[in-house]
Amino acid sequence: MAEEYRIAWIVYVAGTAVLLLAGWWFMRGWSWSWLRRALLVVLAAALLIPARSGVPETPATPVLPLFVYQALFEEEGATPEVTANLVFATGGALALLAAIGLGSLFLRHRREKRRQFEEDPYFNDQ
């Protein structure tokens, strides 16, 4: 990757990090913390996952800005490769969050049942 692309990526990643931190800061008072985390992780995935265009030997570009550029300024719209990258990046982030959320719900349920059993040894869920 050429030096100017490295500098551009550094600036882009730093700007995205500042944007995500600002989003976290303004949403920190939300009572639904899982929704805040979901929005920020999906936004981070959409903004930071690199996509390669169909042309060989081109540097990777961020997928969401590339999708918006192609949708607005190219005659045929966004290419299928870029659209698939965007869908899989955000879908993968949502799937990861769903797995983490289900795991945390399961562990919380087990802790609650264990606490109930420790308080009352005759507690039977059946």
Protein backbone atom coordinates (compact mmCIF):
# COMPACT_ATOMS: atom_id res chain seq x y z
CA MET A 1 0.00 0.00 0.00
CA ALA A 2 1.35 3.39 -0.93
CA GLU A 3 2.34 5.89 1.74
CA GLU A 4 -0.48 8.31 0.96
CA TYR A 5 -3.04 5.53 1.45
CA ARG A 6 -1.50 4.63 4.81
CA ILE A 7 -1.75 8.23 5.94
CA ALA A 8 -5.32 8.43 4.66
CA TRP A 9 -6.24 5.23 6.53
CA ILE A 10 -4.65 6.55 9.74
CA VAL A 11 -6.61 9.78 9.47
CA TYR A 12 -9.81 7.90 8.62
CA VAL A 13 -9.46 5.43 11.50
CA ALA A 14 -8.66 8.24 13.95
CA GLY A 15 -11.70 10.22 12.77
CA THR A 16 -13.91 7.14 13.04
CA ALA A 17 -12.60 6.44 16.56
CA VAL A 18 -13.42 10.02 17.57
CA LEU A 19 -16.90 9.67 16.03
CA LEU A 20 -17.54 6.41 17.89
CA LEU A 21 -16.26 7.83 21.18
CA ALA A 22 -18.53 10.84 20.74
CA GLY A 23 -21.44 8.51 20.06
CA TRP A 24 -20.65 6.52 23.18
CA TRP A 25 -20.35 9.73 25.21
CA PHE A 26 -23.71 11.12 24.11
CA MET A 27 -25.48 7.78 24.51
CA ARG A 28 -23.95 6.89 27.89
CA GLY A 29 -27.11 7.89 29.75
CA TRP A 30 -29.32 5.46 27.83
CA SER A 31 -30.98 2.89 30.03
CA TRP A 32 -30.66 0.28 27.28
CA SER A 33 -26.91 -0.27 27.20
CA TRP A 34 -27.24 -3.24 24.84
CA LEU A 35 -28.82 -1.01 22.19
CA ARG A 36 -26.00 1.53 22.53
CA ARG A 37 -23.39 -1.20 22.15
CA ALA A 38 -25.23 -2.70 19.17
CA LEU A 39 -25.46 0.62 17.35
CA LEU A 40 -21.82 1.48 17.97
CA VAL A 41 -20.45 -1.94 16.94
CA VAL A 42 -22.52 -2.06 13.76
CA LEU A 43 -21.48 1.51 12.92
CA ALA A 44 -17.84 0.62 13.58
CA ALA A 45 -18.08 -2.46 11.37
CA ALA A 46 -19.69 -0.51 8.56
CA LEU A 47 -17.16 2.30 8.79
CA LEU A 48 -13.94 0.37 9.36
CA ILE A 49 -14.21 -2.88 7.37
CA PRO A 50 -12.13 -2.46 4.22
CA ALA A 51 -13.50 -3.45 0.83
CA ARG A 52 -11.63 -4.23 -2.35
CA SER A 53 -13.12 -3.15 -5.61
CA GLY A 54 -13.23 -5.44 -8.62
CA VAL A 55 -10.10 -3.85 -10.09
CA PRO A 56 -6.91 -5.72 -9.14
CA GLU A 57 -3.99 -3.87 -7.53
CA THR A 58 -6.20 -1.19 -5.99
CA PRO A 59 -5.87 -0.37 -2.32
CA ALA A 60 -8.57 -1.35 0.12
CA THR A 61 -11.03 1.41 0.94
CA PRO A 62 -13.60 1.62 3.75
CA VAL A 63 -16.77 -0.15 2.72
CA LEU A 64 -19.48 2.34 3.76
CA PRO A 65 -17.93 5.43 2.13
CA LEU A 66 -17.20 3.38 -0.99
CA PHE A 67 -20.81 2.15 -1.08
CA VAL A 68 -22.18 5.70 -0.68
CA TYR A 69 -19.81 7.04 -3.34
CA GLN A 70 -20.76 4.34 -5.83
CA ALA A 71 -24.47 4.69 -5.10
CA LEU A 72 -24.40 8.46 -5.62
CA PHE A 73 -21.86 9.04 -8.37
CA GLU A 74 -21.65 5.94 -10.55
CA GLU A 75 -24.17 5.26 -13.27
CA GLU A 76 -24.87 1.62 -12.42
CA GLY A 77 -24.91 2.22 -8.67
CA ALA A 78 -22.93 0.26 -6.13
CA THR A 79 -21.16 -2.86 -7.36
CA PRO A 80 -22.32 -6.21 -6.01
CA GLU A 81 -18.95 -6.83 -4.32
CA VAL A 82 -19.14 -3.62 -2.31
CA THR A 83 -22.78 -4.21 -1.40
CA ALA A 84 -21.99 -7.76 -0.27
CA ASN A 85 -19.06 -6.49 1.81
CA LEU A 86 -21.32 -3.95 3.51
CA VAL A 87 -24.06 -6.50 4.19
CA PHE A 88 -21.65 -9.11 5.54
CA ALA A 89 -19.76 -6.59 7.69
CA THR A 90 -22.87 -5.26 9.40
CA GLY A 91 -24.54 -8.68 9.50
CA GLY A 92 -21.45 -10.20 11.06
CA ALA A 93 -21.36 -7.46 13.69
CA LEU A 94 -25.03 -8.06 14.50
CA ALA A 95 -24.50 -11.83 14.68
CA LEU A 96 -21.54 -11.36 17.03
CA LEU A 97 -23.59 -9.06 19.25
CA ALA A 98 -26.50 -11.50 19.24
CA ALA A 99 -24.22 -14.36 20.32
CA ILE A 100 -22.67 -12.25 23.08
CA GLY A 101 -26.12 -11.08 24.21
CA LEU A 102 -27.55 -14.59 24.33
CA GLY A 103 -24.50 -15.81 26.24
CA SER A 104 -24.78 -13.03 28.79
CA LEU A 105 -28.52 -13.67 29.22
CA PHE A 106 -27.84 -17.37 29.79
CA LEU A 107 -25.10 -16.67 32.33
CA ARG A 108 -27.25 -14.11 34.15
CA HIS A 109 -30.11 -16.63 34.32
CA ARG A 110 -27.77 -19.29 35.76
CA ARG A 111 -26.40 -16.85 38.36
CA GLU A 112 -29.92 -15.91 39.39
CA LYS A 113 -30.98 -19.55 39.75
CA ARG A 114 -27.82 -20.34 41.73
CA ARG A 115 -28.51 -17.39 44.04
CA GLN A 116 -32.10 -18.56 44.57
CA PHE A 117 -30.91 -22.06 45.37
CA GLU A 118 -28.31 -20.77 47.84
CA GLU A 119 -30.98 -18.73 49.62
CA ASP A 120 -33.49 -21.57 49.68
CA PRO A 121 -32.00 -25.10 49.28
CA TYR A 122 -35.50 -26.55 48.81
CA PHE A 123 -36.11 -24.35 45.76
CA ASN A 124 -36.99 -26.62 42.88
CA ASP A 125 -37.68 -25.23 39.43
CA GLN A 126 -39.38 -28.39 38.15
